[in-house]
Amino acid sequence: LLCQARPRSDLSIESRRVPVRLSNAAMSELVSIEPLPLRALHLRVRFTEGTLDARPGQYVDVRNLAGDSERVAVIGVHAGGLDLECTDDGGILHGWLDSDAVPGSTLRVAGPFDRPR
């Protein structure tokens, strides 16, 4: 068994080089929050530092300054920002967006991703 193998001489370990993908994240400002059916929320964000190349149908991770995060759907793209849909899954970020977030709040947006978590 390989887990019981013991070397009897010097070893040379080789590995493949895998390019590191830079994190694709941008800081943004919450422009508006609108309620949708089934307690979902429509978020409009404007990029303040950096940008993301996301399309409707993809997903992005949204994080507030307290570190609460959630993966949300991209439902629209506009010049300098995104329209997002945050469903009510009982997450801490949704609760914060629903009760305490105000236009002008800072959010970190990362992605895009092809599927929800």
PDB file of N, CA and C in Angstrom:
ATOM      1  N   LEU A   1       0.828  -1.180   0.000  1.00  0.00           N
ATOM      2  CA  LEU A   1       0.000   0.000   0.000  1.00  0.00           C
ATOM      3  C   LEU A   1       0.872   1.242   0.000  1.00  0.00           C
ATOM      4  N   LEU A   2       0.422   2.239  -0.763  1.00  0.00           N
ATOM      5  CA  LEU A   2       1.197   3.465  -0.876  1.00  0.00           C
ATOM      6  C   LEU A   2       1.299   4.201   0.462  1.00  0.00           C
ATOM      7  N   CYS A   3       0.255   4.114   1.282  1.00  0.00           N
ATOM      8  CA  CYS A   3       0.281   4.817   2.564  1.00  0.00           C
ATOM      9  C   CYS A   3       1.315   4.217   3.520  1.00  0.00           C
ATOM     10  N   GLN A   4       1.827   3.025   3.214  1.00  0.00           N
ATOM     11  CA  GLN A   4       2.817   2.382   4.067  1.00  0.00           C
ATOM     12  C   GLN A   4       4.207   2.383   3.432  1.00  0.00           C
ATOM     13  N   ALA A   5       4.321   3.017   2.272  1.00  0.00           N
ATOM     14  CA  ALA A   5       5.602   3.026   1.571  1.00  0.00           C
ATOM     15  C   ALA A   5       6.611   3.886   2.333  1.00  0.00           C
ATOM     16  N   ARG A   6       7.846   3.381   2.380  1.00  0.00           N
ATOM     17  CA  ARG A   6       8.925   4.112   3.042  1.00  0.00           C
ATOM     18  C   ARG A   6      10.093   4.188   2.071  1.00  0.00           C
ATOM     19  N   PRO A   7      10.635   5.401   1.883  1.00  0.00           N
ATOM     20  CA  PRO A   7      11.754   5.527   0.957  1.00  0.00           C
ATOM     21  C   PRO A   7      13.018   4.868   1.508  1.00  0.00           C
ATOM     22  N   ARG A   8      13.793   4.281   0.591  1.00  0.00           N
ATOM     23  CA  ARG A   8      15.054   3.640   0.994  1.00  0.00           C
ATOM     24  C   ARG A   8      16.259   4.425   0.487  1.00  0.00           C
ATOM     25  N   SER A   9      15.965   5.566  -0.182  1.00  0.00           N
ATOM     26  CA  SER A   9      17.050   6.421  -0.672  1.00  0.00           C
ATOM     27  C   SER A   9      16.519   7.856  -0.732  1.00  0.00           C
ATOM     28  N   ASP A  10      17.384   8.774  -1.190  1.00  0.00           N
ATOM     29  CA  ASP A  10      16.962  10.168  -1.315  1.00  0.00           C
ATOM     30  C   ASP A  10      15.827  10.272  -2.332  1.00  0.00           C
ATOM     31  N   LEU A  11      14.918  11.209  -2.076  1.00  0.00           N
ATOM     32  CA  LEU A  11      13.766  11.412  -2.956  1.00  0.00           C
ATOM     33  C   LEU A  11      13.892  12.733  -3.702  1.00  0.00           C
ATOM     34  N   SER A  12      13.347  12.756  -4.879  1.00  0.00           N
ATOM     35  CA  SER A  12      13.206  13.975  -5.658  1.00  0.00           C
ATOM     36  C   SER A  12      11.727  14.120  -5.970  1.00  0.00           C
ATOM     37  N   ILE A  13      11.121  15.201  -5.474  1.00  0.00           N
ATOM     38  CA  ILE A  13       9.684  15.404  -5.663  1.00  0.00           C
ATOM     39  C   ILE A  13       9.480  16.467  -6.726  1.00  0.00           C
ATOM     40  N   GLU A  14       8.669  16.136  -7.710  1.00  0.00           N
ATOM     41  CA  GLU A  14       8.350  17.070  -8.779  1.00  0.00           C
ATOM     42  C   GLU A  14       6.862  17.356  -8.735  1.00  0.00           C
ATOM     43  N   SER A  15       6.524  18.575  -9.134  1.00  0.00           N
ATOM     44  CA  SER A  15       5.101  18.933  -9.185  1.00  0.00           C
ATOM     45  C   SER A  15       4.835  19.750 -10.443  1.00  0.00           C
ATOM     46  N   ARG A  16       3.570  19.794 -10.800  1.00  0.00           N
ATOM     47  CA  ARG A  16       3.186  20.611 -11.948  1.00  0.00           C
ATOM     48  C   ARG A  16       3.030  22.048 -11.487  1.00  0.00           C
ATOM     49  N   ARG A  17       3.370  22.953 -12.354  1.00  0.00           N
ATOM     50  CA  ARG A  17       3.165  24.365 -12.046  1.00  0.00           C
ATOM     51  C   ARG A  17       1.776  24.755 -12.530  1.00  0.00           C
ATOM     52  N   VAL A  18       0.996  25.304 -11.610  1.00  0.00           N
ATOM     53  CA  VAL A  18      -0.354  25.735 -11.931  1.00  0.00           C
ATOM     54  C   VAL A  18      -0.397  27.245 -11.801  1.00  0.00           C
ATOM     55  N   PRO A  19      -0.825  27.935 -12.851  1.00  0.00           N
ATOM     56  CA  PRO A  19      -0.876  29.391 -12.738  1.00  0.00           C
ATOM     57  C   PRO A  19      -1.894  29.814 -11.677  1.00  0.00           C
ATOM     58  N   VAL A  20      -1.528  30.801 -10.901  1.00  0.00           N
ATOM     59  CA  VAL A  20      -2.411  31.321  -9.865  1.00  0.00           C
ATOM     60  C   VAL A  20      -3.328  32.355 -10.493  1.00  0.00           C
ATOM     61  N   ARG A  21      -4.626  32.155 -10.307  1.00  0.00           N
ATOM     62  CA  ARG A  21      -5.592  33.111 -10.831  1.00  0.00           C
ATOM     63  C   ARG A  21      -5.760  34.237  -9.821  1.00  0.00           C
ATOM     64  N   LEU A  22      -5.605  35.443 -10.286  1.00  0.00           N
ATOM     65  CA  LEU A  22      -5.782  36.580  -9.411  1.00  0.00           C
ATOM     66  C   LEU A  22      -7.227  36.670  -8.962  1.00  0.00           C
ATOM     67  N   SER A  23      -7.408  37.083  -7.749  1.00  0.00           N
ATOM     68  CA  SER A  23      -8.755  37.254  -7.226  1.00  0.00           C
ATOM     69  C   SER A  23      -9.445  38.360  -8.002  1.00  0.00           C
ATOM     70  N   ASN A  24     -10.637  38.072  -8.471  1.00  0.00           N
ATOM     71  CA  ASN A  24     -11.403  39.053  -9.205  1.00  0.00           C
ATOM     72  C   ASN A  24     -12.440  39.630  -8.258  1.00  0.00           C
ATOM     73  N   ALA A  25     -12.099  40.736  -7.635  1.00  0.00           N
ATOM     74  CA  ALA A  25     -12.992  41.358  -6.663  1.00  0.00           C
ATOM     75  C   ALA A  25     -12.986  42.862  -6.871  1.00  0.00           C
ATOM     76  N   ALA A  26     -14.078  43.486  -6.471  1.00  0.00           N
ATOM     77  CA  ALA A  26     -14.211  44.931  -6.601  1.00  0.00           C
ATOM     78  C   ALA A  26     -14.971  45.463  -5.393  1.00  0.00           C
ATOM     79  N   MET A  27     -14.637  46.660  -4.996  1.00  0.00           N
ATOM     80  CA  MET A  27     -15.397  47.332  -3.955  1.00  0.00           C
ATOM     81  C   MET A  27     -16.531  48.085  -4.629  1.00  0.00           C
ATOM     82  N   SER A  28     -17.678  48.093  -3.955  1.00  0.00           N
ATOM     83  CA  SER A  28     -18.834  48.746  -4.552  1.00  0.00           C
ATOM     84  C   SER A  28     -19.642  49.478  -3.487  1.00  0.00           C
ATOM     85  N   GLU A  29     -20.542  50.304  -3.968  1.00  0.00           N
ATOM     86  CA  GLU A  29     -21.440  51.059  -3.119  1.00  0.00           C
ATOM     87  C   GLU A  29     -22.861  50.618  -3.434  1.00  0.00           C
ATOM     88  N   LEU A  30     -23.649  50.385  -2.410  1.00  0.00           N
ATOM     89  CA  LEU A  30     -25.043  50.015  -2.586  1.00  0.00           C
ATOM     90  C   LEU A  30     -25.819  51.255  -3.019  1.00  0.00           C
ATOM     91  N   VAL A  31     -26.405  51.190  -4.209  1.00  0.00           N
ATOM     92  CA  VAL A  31     -27.152  52.328  -4.737  1.00  0.00           C
ATOM     93  C   VAL A  31     -28.608  52.259  -4.301  1.00  0.00           C
ATOM     94  N   SER A  32     -29.221  51.061  -4.402  1.00  0.00           N
ATOM     95  CA  SER A  32     -30.618  50.926  -4.008  1.00  0.00           C
ATOM     96  C   SER A  32     -30.921  49.488  -3.591  1.00  0.00           C
ATOM     97  N   ILE A  33     -31.959  49.352  -2.763  1.00  0.00           N
ATOM     98  CA  ILE A  33     -32.477  48.053  -2.327  1.00  0.00           C
ATOM     99  C   ILE A  33     -33.984  48.101  -2.529  1.00  0.00           C
ATOM    100  N   GLU A  34     -34.505  47.141  -3.287  1.00  0.00           N
ATOM    101  CA  GLU A  34     -35.948  47.091  -3.525  1.00  0.00           C
ATOM    102  C   GLU A  34     -36.461  45.697  -3.192  1.00  0.00           C
ATOM    103  N   PRO A  35     -37.617  45.605  -2.531  1.00  0.00           N
ATOM    104  CA  PRO A  35     -38.173  44.288  -2.224  1.00  0.00           C
ATOM    105  C   PRO A  35     -38.716  43.609  -3.478  1.00  0.00           C
ATOM    106  N   LEU A  36     -38.598  42.298  -3.515  1.00  0.00           N
ATOM    107  CA  LEU A  36     -39.143  41.463  -4.578  1.00  0.00           C
ATOM    108  C   LEU A  36     -40.078  40.434  -3.942  1.00  0.00           C
ATOM    109  N   PRO A  37     -40.861  39.715  -4.731  1.00  0.00           N
ATOM    110  CA  PRO A  37     -41.715  38.671  -4.160  1.00  0.00           C
ATOM    111  C   PRO A  37     -40.889  37.631  -3.385  1.00  0.00           C
ATOM    112  N   LEU A  38     -41.537  36.971  -2.443  1.00  0.00           N
ATOM    113  CA  LEU A  38     -40.944  35.914  -1.620  1.00  0.00           C
ATOM    114  C   LEU A  38     -39.773  36.412  -0.785  1.00  0.00           C
ATOM    115  N   ARG A  39     -39.833  37.653  -0.353  1.00  0.00           N
ATOM    116  CA  ARG A  39     -38.829  38.299   0.503  1.00  0.00           C
ATOM    117  C   ARG A  39     -37.438  38.399  -0.129  1.00  0.00           C
ATOM    118  N   ALA A  40     -37.351  38.235  -1.432  1.00  0.00           N
ATOM    119  CA  ALA A  40     -36.074  38.456  -2.120  1.00  0.00           C
ATOM    120  C   ALA A  40     -35.837  39.962  -2.208  1.00  0.00           C
ATOM    121  N   LEU A  41     -34.589  40.341  -2.479  1.00  0.00           N
ATOM    122  CA  LEU A  41     -34.222  41.749  -2.593  1.00  0.00           C
ATOM    123  C   LEU A  41     -33.511  42.007  -3.906  1.00  0.00           C
ATOM    124  N   HIS A  42     -33.847  43.124  -4.548  1.00  0.00           N
ATOM    125  CA  HIS A  42     -33.149  43.570  -5.757  1.00  0.00           C
ATOM    126  C   HIS A  42     -32.135  44.616  -5.312  1.00  0.00           C
ATOM    127  N   LEU A  43     -30.853  44.341  -5.547  1.00  0.00           N
ATOM    128  CA  LEU A  43     -29.772  45.256  -5.170  1.00  0.00           C
ATOM    129  C   LEU A  43     -29.170  45.869  -6.418  1.00  0.00           C
ATOM    130  N   ARG A  44     -28.918  47.148  -6.375  1.00  0.00           N
ATOM    131  CA  ARG A  44     -28.167  47.804  -7.439  1.00  0.00           C
ATOM    132  C   ARG A  44     -26.892  48.319  -6.803  1.00  0.00           C
ATOM    133  N   VAL A  45     -25.747  47.874  -7.348  1.00  0.00           N
ATOM    134  CA  VAL A  45     -24.448  48.298  -6.809  1.00  0.00           C
ATOM    135  C   VAL A  45     -23.659  49.014  -7.892  1.00  0.00           C
ATOM    136  N   ARG A  46     -22.846  49.969  -7.461  1.00  0.00           N
ATOM    137  CA  ARG A  46     -21.957  50.716  -8.359  1.00  0.00           C
ATOM    138  C   ARG A  46     -20.529  50.482  -7.898  1.00  0.00           C
ATOM    139  N   PHE A  47     -19.656  50.115  -8.818  1.00  0.00           N
ATOM    140  CA  PHE A  47     -18.258  49.857  -8.473  1.00  0.00           C
ATOM    141  C   PHE A  47     -17.557  51.160  -8.113  1.00  0.00           C
ATOM    142  N   THR A  48     -16.816  51.119  -7.009  1.00  0.00           N
ATOM    143  CA  THR A  48     -16.037  52.280  -6.587  1.00  0.00           C
ATOM    144  C   THR A  48     -14.539  52.035  -6.752  1.00  0.00           C
ATOM    145  N   GLU A  49     -14.109  50.764  -6.633  1.00  0.00           N
ATOM    146  CA  GLU A  49     -12.711  50.373  -6.866  1.00  0.00           C
ATOM    147  C   GLU A  49     -12.720  49.060  -7.620  1.00  0.00           C
ATOM    148  N   GLY A  50     -12.153  49.041  -8.811  1.00  0.00           N
ATOM    149  CA  GLY A  50     -12.124  47.826  -9.616  1.00  0.00           C
ATOM    150  C   GLY A  50     -13.440  47.616 -10.341  1.00  0.00           C
ATOM    151  N   THR A  51     -13.524  46.482 -11.027  1.00  0.00           N
ATOM    152  CA  THR A  51     -14.727  46.129 -11.772  1.00  0.00           C
ATOM    153  C   THR A  51     -14.766  44.622 -11.957  1.00  0.00           C
ATOM    154  N   LEU A  52     -15.936  44.092 -12.291  1.00  0.00           N
ATOM    155  CA  LEU A  52     -16.107  42.670 -12.561  1.00  0.00           C
ATOM    156  C   LEU A  52     -16.715  42.503 -13.937  1.00  0.00           C
ATOM    157  N   ASP A  53     -16.326  41.444 -14.606  1.00  0.00           N
ATOM    158  CA  ASP A  53     -16.883  41.126 -15.915  1.00  0.00           C
ATOM    159  C   ASP A  53     -17.923  40.021 -15.731  1.00  0.00           C
ATOM    160  N   ALA A  54     -19.094  40.377 -15.226  1.00  0.00           N
ATOM    161  CA  ALA A  54     -20.152  39.404 -14.954  1.00  0.00           C
ATOM    162  C   ALA A  54     -21.303  39.607 -15.929  1.00  0.00           C
ATOM    163  N   ARG A  55     -22.055  38.518 -16.129  1.00  0.00           N
ATOM    164  CA  ARG A  55     -23.219  38.550 -17.025  1.00  0.00           C
ATOM    165  C   ARG A  55     -24.448  38.087 -16.252  1.00  0.00           C
ATOM    166  N   PRO A  56     -25.639  38.503 -16.687  1.00  0.00           N
ATOM    167  CA  PRO A  56     -26.855  37.965 -16.077  1.00  0.00           C
ATOM    168  C   PRO A  56     -26.859  36.441 -16.183  1.00  0.00           C
ATOM    169  N   GLY A  57     -27.274  35.785 -15.110  1.00  0.00           N
ATOM    170  CA  GLY A  57     -27.265  34.327 -15.056  1.00  0.00           C
ATOM    171  C   GLY A  57     -26.075  33.779 -14.294  1.00  0.00           C
ATOM    172  N   GLN A  58     -25.073  34.614 -14.042  1.00  0.00           N
ATOM    173  CA  GLN A  58     -23.935  34.195 -13.232  1.00  0.00           C
ATOM    174  C   GLN A  58     -24.189  34.606 -11.785  1.00  0.00           C
ATOM    175  N   TYR A  59     -23.242  34.284 -10.914  1.00  0.00           N
ATOM    176  CA  TYR A  59     -23.358  34.583  -9.494  1.00  0.00           C
ATOM    177  C   TYR A  59     -22.111  35.314  -9.023  1.00  0.00           C
ATOM    178  N   VAL A  60     -22.273  36.122  -7.988  1.00  0.00           N
ATOM    179  CA  VAL A  60     -21.148  36.807  -7.355  1.00  0.00           C
ATOM    180  C   VAL A  60     -21.277  36.665  -5.843  1.00  0.00           C
ATOM    181  N   ASP A  61     -20.139  36.723  -5.158  1.00  0.00           N
ATOM    182  CA  ASP A  61     -20.135  36.730  -3.701  1.00  0.00           C
ATOM    183  C   ASP A  61     -20.154  38.175  -3.237  1.00  0.00           C
ATOM    184  N   VAL A  62     -21.099  38.502  -2.362  1.00  0.00           N
ATOM    185  CA  VAL A  62     -21.231  39.853  -1.815  1.00  0.00           C
ATOM    186  C   VAL A  62     -20.907  39.778  -0.333  1.00  0.00           C
ATOM    187  N   ARG A  63     -20.063  40.704   0.132  1.00  0.00           N
ATOM    188  CA  ARG A  63     -19.639  40.718   1.545  1.00  0.00           C
ATOM    189  C   ARG A  63     -19.734  42.150   2.059  1.00  0.00           C
ATOM    190  N   ASN A  64     -20.310  42.311   3.241  1.00  0.00           N
ATOM    191  CA  ASN A  64     -20.349  43.637   3.854  1.00  0.00           C
ATOM    192  C   ASN A  64     -19.089  43.856   4.691  1.00  0.00           C
ATOM    193  N   LEU A  65     -18.965  45.029   5.297  1.00  0.00           N
ATOM    194  CA  LEU A  65     -17.753  45.337   6.055  1.00  0.00           C
ATOM    195  C   LEU A  65     -17.627  44.510   7.327  1.00  0.00           C
ATOM    196  N   ALA A  66     -18.738  43.939   7.808  1.00  0.00           N
ATOM    197  CA  ALA A  66     -18.693  43.082   8.994  1.00  0.00           C
ATOM    198  C   ALA A  66     -18.230  41.670   8.651  1.00  0.00           C
ATOM    199  N   GLY A  67     -18.111  41.350   7.360  1.00  0.00           N
ATOM    200  CA  GLY A  67     -17.660  40.035   6.936  1.00  0.00           C
ATOM    201  C   GLY A  67     -18.773  39.069   6.594  1.00  0.00           C
ATOM    202  N   ASP A  68     -20.037  39.491   6.710  1.00  0.00           N
ATOM    203  CA  ASP A  68     -21.154  38.634   6.330  1.00  0.00           C
ATOM    204  C   ASP A  68     -21.169  38.519   4.815  1.00  0.00           C
ATOM    205  N   SER A  69     -21.314  37.295   4.293  1.00  0.00           N
ATOM    206  CA  SER A  69     -21.274  37.129   2.848  1.00  0.00           C
ATOM    207  C   SER A  69     -22.347  36.162   2.372  1.00  0.00           C
ATOM    208  N   GLU A  70     -22.665  36.287   1.096  1.00  0.00           N
ATOM    209  CA  GLU A  70     -23.662  35.440   0.472  1.00  0.00           C
ATOM    210  C   GLU A  70     -23.421  35.457  -1.038  1.00  0.00           C
ATOM    211  N   ARG A  71     -23.694  34.333  -1.688  1.00  0.00           N
ATOM    212  CA  ARG A  71     -23.600  34.274  -3.146  1.00  0.00           C
ATOM    213  C   ARG A  71     -24.963  34.637  -3.717  1.00  0.00           C
ATOM    214  N   VAL A  72     -24.988  35.644  -4.592  1.00  0.00           N
ATOM    215  CA  VAL A  72     -26.242  36.143  -5.142  1.00  0.00           C
ATOM    216  C   VAL A  72     -26.192  36.111  -6.666  1.00  0.00           C
ATOM    217  N   ALA A  73     -27.375  36.129  -7.273  1.00  0.00           N
ATOM    218  CA  ALA A  73     -27.492  36.049  -8.731  1.00  0.00           C
ATOM    219  C   ALA A  73     -27.336  37.424  -9.367  1.00  0.00           C
ATOM    220  N   VAL A  74     -26.636  37.455 -10.496  1.00  0.00           N
ATOM    221  CA  VAL A  74     -26.537  38.664 -11.304  1.00  0.00           C
ATOM    222  C   VAL A  74     -27.757  38.667 -12.218  1.00  0.00           C
ATOM    223  N   ILE A  75     -28.573  39.728 -12.134  1.00  0.00           N
ATOM    224  CA  ILE A  75     -29.765  39.797 -12.983  1.00  0.00           C
ATOM    225  C   ILE A  75     -29.680  40.914 -14.012  1.00  0.00           C
ATOM    226  N   GLY A  76     -28.662  41.748 -13.902  1.00  0.00           N
ATOM    227  CA  GLY A  76     -28.493  42.812 -14.879  1.00  0.00           C
ATOM    228  C   GLY A  76     -27.126  43.454 -14.753  1.00  0.00           C
ATOM    229  N   VAL A  77     -26.697  44.063 -15.853  1.00  0.00           N
ATOM    230  CA  VAL A  77     -25.411  44.761 -15.900  1.00  0.00           C
ATOM    231  C   VAL A  77     -25.685  46.170 -16.411  1.00  0.00           C
ATOM    232  N   HIS A  78     -25.122  47.152 -15.755  1.00  0.00           N
ATOM    233  CA  HIS A  78     -25.236  48.532 -16.229  1.00  0.00           C
ATOM    234  C   HIS A  78     -23.862  49.178 -16.150  1.00  0.00           C
ATOM    235  N   ALA A  79     -23.724  50.308 -16.780  1.00  0.00           N
ATOM    236  CA  ALA A  79     -22.430  50.988 -16.815  1.00  0.00           C
ATOM    237  C   ALA A  79     -21.943  51.249 -15.393  1.00  0.00           C
ATOM    238  N   GLY A  80     -20.848  50.615 -15.037  1.00  0.00           N
ATOM    239  CA  GLY A  80     -20.236  50.848 -13.736  1.00  0.00           C
ATOM    240  C   GLY A  80     -20.795  50.037 -12.589  1.00  0.00           C
ATOM    241  N   GLY A  81     -21.656  49.045 -12.863  1.00  0.00           N
ATOM    242  CA  GLY A  81     -22.190  48.279 -11.752  1.00  0.00           C
ATOM    243  C   GLY A  81     -23.034  47.093 -12.174  1.00  0.00           C
ATOM    244  N   LEU A  82     -23.722  46.506 -11.190  1.00  0.00           N
ATOM    245  CA  LEU A  82     -24.521  45.304 -11.414  1.00  0.00           C
ATOM    246  C   LEU A  82     -25.863  45.425 -10.712  1.00  0.00           C
ATOM    247  N   ASP A  83     -26.850  44.695 -11.233  1.00  0.00           N
ATOM    248  CA  ASP A  83     -28.112  44.468 -10.553  1.00  0.00           C
ATOM    249  C   ASP A  83     -28.076  43.039 -10.046  1.00  0.00           C
ATOM    250  N   LEU A  84     -28.396  42.850  -8.767  1.00  0.00           N
ATOM    251  CA  LEU A  84     -28.285  41.552  -8.114  1.00  0.00           C
ATOM    252  C   LEU A  84     -29.606  41.171  -7.459  1.00  0.00           C
ATOM    253  N   GLU A  85     -29.842  39.867  -7.330  1.00  0.00           N
ATOM    254  CA  GLU A  85     -31.011  39.372  -6.616  1.00  0.00           C
ATOM    255  C   GLU A  85     -30.550  38.518  -5.451  1.00  0.00           C
ATOM    256  N   CYS A  86     -30.949  38.919  -4.249  1.00  0.00           N
ATOM    257  CA  CYS A  86     -30.590  38.208  -3.027  1.00  0.00           C
ATOM    258  C   CYS A  86     -31.844  37.523  -2.492  1.00  0.00           C
ATOM    259  N   THR A  87     -31.868  36.196  -2.559  1.00  0.00           N
ATOM    260  CA  THR A  87     -33.029  35.460  -2.073  1.00  0.00           C
ATOM    261  C   THR A  87     -32.985  35.329  -0.554  1.00  0.00           C
ATOM    262  N   ASP A  88     -34.140  35.094   0.033  1.00  0.00           N
ATOM    263  CA  ASP A  88     -34.223  34.948   1.488  1.00  0.00           C
ATOM    264  C   ASP A  88     -33.947  33.503   1.868  1.00  0.00           C
ATOM    265  N   ASP A  89     -32.685  33.221   2.164  1.00  0.00           N
ATOM    266  CA  ASP A  89     -32.309  31.862   2.560  1.00  0.00           C
ATOM    267  C   ASP A  89     -31.998  31.790   4.052  1.00  0.00           C
ATOM    268  N   GLY A  90     -32.361  32.831   4.783  1.00  0.00           N
ATOM    269  CA  GLY A  90     -32.094  32.863   6.212  1.00  0.00           C
ATOM    270  C   GLY A  90     -30.686  33.282   6.559  1.00  0.00           C
ATOM    271  N   GLY A  91     -29.909  33.733   5.574  1.00  0.00           N
ATOM    272  CA  GLY A  91     -28.524  34.120   5.808  1.00  0.00           C
ATOM    273  C   GLY A  91     -28.407  35.449   6.542  1.00  0.00           C
ATOM    274  N   ILE A  92     -27.258  35.631   7.182  1.00  0.00           N
ATOM    275  CA  ILE A  92     -27.010  36.852   7.946  1.00  0.00           C
ATOM    276  C   ILE A  92     -26.958  38.069   7.028  1.00  0.00           C
ATOM    277  N   LEU A  93     -26.356  37.927   5.849  1.00  0.00           N
ATOM    278  CA  LEU A  93     -26.260  39.074   4.945  1.00  0.00           C
ATOM    279  C   LEU A  93     -27.646  39.527   4.508  1.00  0.00           C
ATOM    280  N   HIS A  94     -28.539  38.591   4.187  1.00  0.00           N
ATOM    281  CA  HIS A  94     -29.891  38.978   3.776  1.00  0.00           C
ATOM    282  C   HIS A  94     -30.585  39.735   4.903  1.00  0.00           C
ATOM    283  N   GLY A  95     -30.426  39.275   6.121  1.00  0.00           N
ATOM    284  CA  GLY A  95     -31.012  39.981   7.264  1.00  0.00           C
ATOM    285  C   GLY A  95     -30.481  41.389   7.397  1.00  0.00           C
ATOM    286  N   TRP A  96     -29.175  41.548   7.204  1.00  0.00           N
ATOM    287  CA  TRP A  96     -28.565  42.878   7.268  1.00  0.00           C
ATOM    288  C   TRP A  96     -29.081  43.768   6.144  1.00  0.00           C
ATOM    289  N   LEU A  97     -29.150  43.221   4.926  1.00  0.00           N
ATOM    290  CA  LEU A  97     -29.654  43.994   3.792  1.00  0.00           C
ATOM    291  C   LEU A  97     -31.105  44.412   4.017  1.00  0.00           C
ATOM    292  N   ASP A  98     -31.892  43.511   4.588  1.00  0.00           N
ATOM    293  CA  ASP A  98     -33.318  43.756   4.782  1.00  0.00           C
ATOM    294  C   ASP A  98     -33.598  44.765   5.886  1.00  0.00           C
ATOM    295  N   SER A  99     -32.721  44.839   6.892  1.00  0.00           N
ATOM    296  CA  SER A  99     -33.034  45.700   8.037  1.00  0.00           C
ATOM    297  C   SER A  99     -32.086  46.874   8.250  1.00  0.00           C
ATOM    298  N   ASP A 100     -30.796  46.691   8.029  1.00  0.00           N
ATOM    299  CA  ASP A 100     -29.829  47.728   8.409  1.00  0.00           C
ATOM    300  C   ASP A 100     -29.106  48.421   7.259  1.00  0.00           C
ATOM    301  N   ALA A 101     -29.045  47.804   6.104  1.00  0.00           N
ATOM    302  CA  ALA A 101     -28.288  48.398   4.994  1.00  0.00           C
ATOM    303  C   ALA A 101     -29.018  49.625   4.453  1.00  0.00           C
ATOM    304  N   VAL A 102     -28.243  50.603   4.045  1.00  0.00           N
ATOM    305  CA  VAL A 102     -28.791  51.823   3.456  1.00  0.00           C
ATOM    306  C   VAL A 102     -28.010  52.123   2.180  1.00  0.00           C
ATOM    307  N   PRO A 103     -28.625  52.858   1.251  1.00  0.00           N
ATOM    308  CA  PRO A 103     -27.851  53.279   0.083  1.00  0.00           C
ATOM    309  C   PRO A 103     -26.589  54.011   0.531  1.00  0.00           C
ATOM    310  N   GLY A 104     -25.492  53.659  -0.093  1.00  0.00           N
ATOM    311  CA  GLY A 104     -24.195  54.206   0.279  1.00  0.00           C
ATOM    312  C   GLY A 104     -23.355  53.222   1.063  1.00  0.00           C
ATOM    313  N   SER A 105     -23.956  52.121   1.537  1.00  0.00           N
ATOM    314  CA  SER A 105     -23.198  51.094   2.259  1.00  0.00           C
ATOM    315  C   SER A 105     -22.158  50.475   1.338  1.00  0.00           C
ATOM    316  N   THR A 106     -21.005  50.126   1.893  1.00  0.00           N
ATOM    317  CA  THR A 106     -19.908  49.547   1.125  1.00  0.00           C
ATOM    318  C   THR A 106     -20.032  48.028   1.103  1.00  0.00           C
ATOM    319  N   LEU A 107     -19.857  47.452  -0.094  1.00  0.00           N
ATOM    320  CA  LEU A 107     -19.894  46.005  -0.277  1.00  0.00           C
ATOM    321  C   LEU A 107     -18.698  45.577  -1.111  1.00  0.00           C
ATOM    322  N   ARG A 108     -18.154  44.404  -0.797  1.00  0.00           N
ATOM    323  CA  ARG A 108     -17.109  43.794  -1.625  1.00  0.00           C
ATOM    324  C   ARG A 108     -17.801  42.746  -2.483  1.00  0.00           C
ATOM    325  N   VAL A 109     -17.580  42.816  -3.793  1.00  0.00           N
ATOM    326  CA  VAL A 109     -18.200  41.884  -4.736  1.00  0.00           C
ATOM    327  C   VAL A 109     -17.090  41.100  -5.417  1.00  0.00           C
ATOM    328  N   ALA A 110     -17.185  39.763  -5.415  1.00  0.00           N
ATOM    329  CA  ALA A 110     -16.155  38.903  -6.008  1.00  0.00           C
ATOM    330  C   ALA A 110     -16.817  37.895  -6.942  1.00  0.00           C
ATOM    331  N   GLY A 111     -16.091  37.510  -7.969  1.00  0.00           N
ATOM    332  CA  GLY A 111     -16.612  36.511  -8.913  1.00  0.00           C
ATOM    333  C   GLY A 111     -16.215  36.893 -10.318  1.00  0.00           C
ATOM    334  N   PRO A 112     -16.962  36.481 -11.298  1.00  0.00           N
ATOM    335  CA  PRO A 112     -18.244  35.773 -11.244  1.00  0.00           C
ATOM    336  C   PRO A 112     -18.060  34.252 -11.149  1.00  0.00           C
ATOM    337  N   PHE A 113     -19.158  33.585 -10.777  1.00  0.00           N
ATOM    338  CA  PHE A 113     -19.212  32.143 -10.666  1.00  0.00           C
ATOM    339  C   PHE A 113     -20.374  31.632 -11.521  1.00  0.00           C
ATOM    340  N   ASP A 114     -20.277  30.386 -11.948  1.00  0.00           N
ATOM    341  CA  ASP A 114     -21.306  29.818 -12.821  1.00  0.00           C
ATOM    342  C   ASP A 114     -22.436  29.144 -12.077  1.00  0.00           C
ATOM    343  N   ARG A 115     -22.306  28.972 -10.771  1.00  0.00           N
ATOM    344  CA  ARG A 115     -23.360  28.279 -10.023  1.00  0.00           C
ATOM    345  C   ARG A 115     -23.404  28.796  -8.587  1.00  0.00           C
ATOM    346  N   PRO A 116     -24.570  28.630  -7.946  1.00  0.00           N
ATOM    347  CA  PRO A 116     -24.626  29.008  -6.532  1.00  0.00           C
ATOM    348  C   PRO A 116     -23.800  28.038  -5.707  1.00  0.00           C
ATOM    349  N   ARG A 117     -23.544  28.366  -4.476  1.00  0.00           N
ATOM    350  CA  ARG A 117     -22.735  27.494  -3.610  1.00  0.00           C
ATOM    351  C   ARG A 117     -23.380  26.173  -3.397  1.00  0.00           C
TER     352      ARG A 117
END
